[in-house]
Amino acid sequence: MRGSFLAPEDIMVNADKALEAIEVARTTGKLRKGSNEVTKAIERGQAKLVVVAQDVTPKEIVMHIPLLSKEKGVLCIEVPSKDNLGASAGLEVGTAAVVIVQEGDAKKIIEELKKAG
């Protein structure tokens, strides 16, 4: 994965907000979970916010997602744990990546993240 130029506390604030956006969008919008589904949503132009876990092994599973997101002009945020990401998405297991395809009530949170990021 890539390094970050943000201060660690800024990264954690963005990660927490991203997880919050996923939780809100889970109930009022629409999510796709897993690296394959996330990749397809980005390529189809459906992605509103992409969130990738940093602790995925091997890293090659998700290495292309931040690059593809940047290419398509979609905000991509990294979170420390795939287990937390999975829990926010309503899964009982961890997930490598999640994409919000319909914001629902998370639209305001996503806008804040775009301004900060």
Protein backbone atom coordinates (compact mmCIF):
# COMPACT_ATOMS: atom_id res chain seq x y z
CA MET A 1 0.00 0.00 0.00
CA ARG A 2 1.08 3.58 -0.30
CA GLY A 3 2.40 5.80 2.47
CA SER A 4 0.51 8.81 3.69
CA PHE A 5 1.56 12.42 4.13
CA LEU A 6 -1.17 13.12 6.67
CA ALA A 7 -0.45 13.22 10.38
CA PRO A 8 -1.46 9.97 12.15
CA GLU A 9 -4.31 11.70 14.01
CA ASP A 10 -5.71 13.03 10.69
CA ILE A 11 -5.58 9.54 9.22
CA MET A 12 -7.50 8.11 12.17
CA VAL A 13 -10.16 10.86 12.02
CA ASN A 14 -10.70 10.14 8.32
CA ALA A 15 -10.75 6.38 8.99
CA ASP A 16 -13.35 6.79 11.74
CA LYS A 17 -15.50 9.03 9.53
CA ALA A 18 -15.19 6.55 6.65
CA LEU A 19 -16.36 3.71 8.90
CA GLU A 20 -19.23 5.91 10.10
CA ALA A 21 -20.21 6.64 6.49
CA ILE A 22 -20.26 2.91 5.75
CA GLU A 23 -22.47 2.20 8.77
CA VAL A 24 -24.94 4.92 7.72
CA ALA A 25 -24.92 3.90 4.05
CA ARG A 26 -25.46 0.27 5.04
CA THR A 27 -28.92 1.11 6.34
CA THR A 28 -29.93 4.04 4.10
CA GLY A 29 -27.88 3.50 0.94
CA LYS A 30 -26.10 0.66 -0.82
CA LEU A 31 -22.70 -1.00 -0.33
CA ARG A 32 -20.56 -3.50 -2.20
CA LYS A 33 -18.11 -5.61 -0.20
CA GLY A 34 -14.92 -7.41 -1.17
CA SER A 35 -12.07 -6.46 -3.47
CA ASN A 36 -13.69 -7.90 -6.62
CA GLU A 37 -17.03 -6.12 -6.09
CA VAL A 38 -15.25 -2.88 -5.20
CA THR A 39 -13.11 -3.07 -8.35
CA LYS A 40 -16.19 -3.61 -10.52
CA ALA A 41 -18.07 -0.70 -8.93
CA ILE A 42 -15.12 1.65 -9.48
CA GLU A 43 -14.69 0.56 -13.11
CA ARG A 44 -18.43 1.02 -13.77
CA GLY A 45 -18.39 4.55 -12.34
CA GLN A 46 -20.74 3.64 -9.47
CA ALA A 47 -18.35 4.32 -6.57
CA LYS A 48 -19.01 7.28 -4.25
CA LEU A 49 -16.44 6.36 -1.56
CA VAL A 50 -13.92 3.52 -1.44
CA VAL A 51 -12.51 2.20 1.84
CA VAL A 52 -9.62 -0.28 1.95
CA ALA A 53 -8.17 -2.15 4.95
CA GLN A 54 -4.42 -1.82 5.56
CA ASP A 55 -3.97 -5.22 7.21
CA VAL A 56 -4.88 -7.31 4.14
CA THR A 57 -2.42 -10.07 3.27
CA PRO A 58 -1.20 -10.49 0.66
CA LYS A 59 -1.21 -6.76 -0.16
CA GLU A 60 -1.61 -7.58 -3.86
CA ILE A 61 -5.30 -8.27 -3.24
CA VAL A 62 -5.99 -4.55 -2.78
CA MET A 63 -2.93 -2.78 -4.21
CA HIS A 64 -4.77 -1.79 -7.40
CA ILE A 65 -7.79 -0.26 -5.66
CA PRO A 66 -6.26 3.10 -4.55
CA LEU A 67 -4.69 3.54 -8.00
CA LEU A 68 -7.93 2.72 -9.81
CA SER A 69 -9.86 5.04 -7.49
CA LYS A 70 -7.47 7.90 -8.20
CA GLU A 71 -7.72 7.25 -11.94
CA LYS A 72 -11.53 7.42 -11.75
CA GLY A 73 -11.56 10.44 -9.42
CA VAL A 74 -13.05 8.60 -6.43
CA LEU A 75 -11.93 9.23 -2.85
CA CYS A 76 -10.19 6.18 -1.37
CA ILE A 77 -9.55 5.98 2.37
CA GLU A 78 -7.47 3.42 4.22
CA VAL A 79 -8.54 2.02 7.58
CA PRO A 80 -6.28 -0.01 9.88
CA SER A 81 -8.38 -3.16 10.28
CA LYS A 82 -10.30 -5.42 7.92
CA ASP A 83 -12.28 -6.70 10.91
CA ASN A 84 -13.51 -3.19 11.77
CA LEU A 85 -14.27 -2.57 8.10
CA GLY A 86 -16.29 -5.79 7.90
CA ALA A 87 -18.18 -4.96 11.10
CA SER A 88 -19.07 -1.49 9.79
CA ALA A 89 -20.37 -3.11 6.61
CA GLY A 90 -22.59 -5.47 8.63
CA LEU A 91 -20.44 -8.57 8.16
CA GLU A 92 -19.41 -11.04 10.84
CA VAL A 93 -16.01 -11.43 9.17
CA GLY A 94 -13.41 -8.96 7.97
CA THR A 95 -13.37 -7.60 4.44
CA ALA A 96 -10.53 -6.18 2.37
CA ALA A 97 -12.52 -3.34 0.83
CA VAL A 98 -15.95 -1.70 0.78
CA VAL A 99 -17.45 0.78 -1.67
CA ILE A 100 -20.48 2.99 -1.18
CA VAL A 101 -22.48 3.00 -4.42
CA GLN A 102 -25.54 4.85 -3.07
CA GLU A 103 -24.85 7.31 -0.26
CA GLY A 104 -28.24 7.46 1.39
CA ASP A 105 -27.93 9.56 4.56
CA ALA A 106 -24.11 9.28 4.43
CA LYS A 107 -23.88 11.96 1.74
CA LYS A 108 -22.92 14.72 4.20
CA ILE A 109 -20.17 12.60 5.79
CA ILE A 110 -18.76 11.75 2.36
CA GLU A 111 -18.72 15.45 1.41
CA GLU A 112 -16.81 16.24 4.64
CA LEU A 113 -14.27 13.52 3.80
CA LYS A 114 -13.82 14.89 0.28
CA LYS A 115 -13.15 18.38 1.65
CA ALA A 116 -10.66 17.02 4.21
CA GLY A 117 -8.94 14.64 1.82
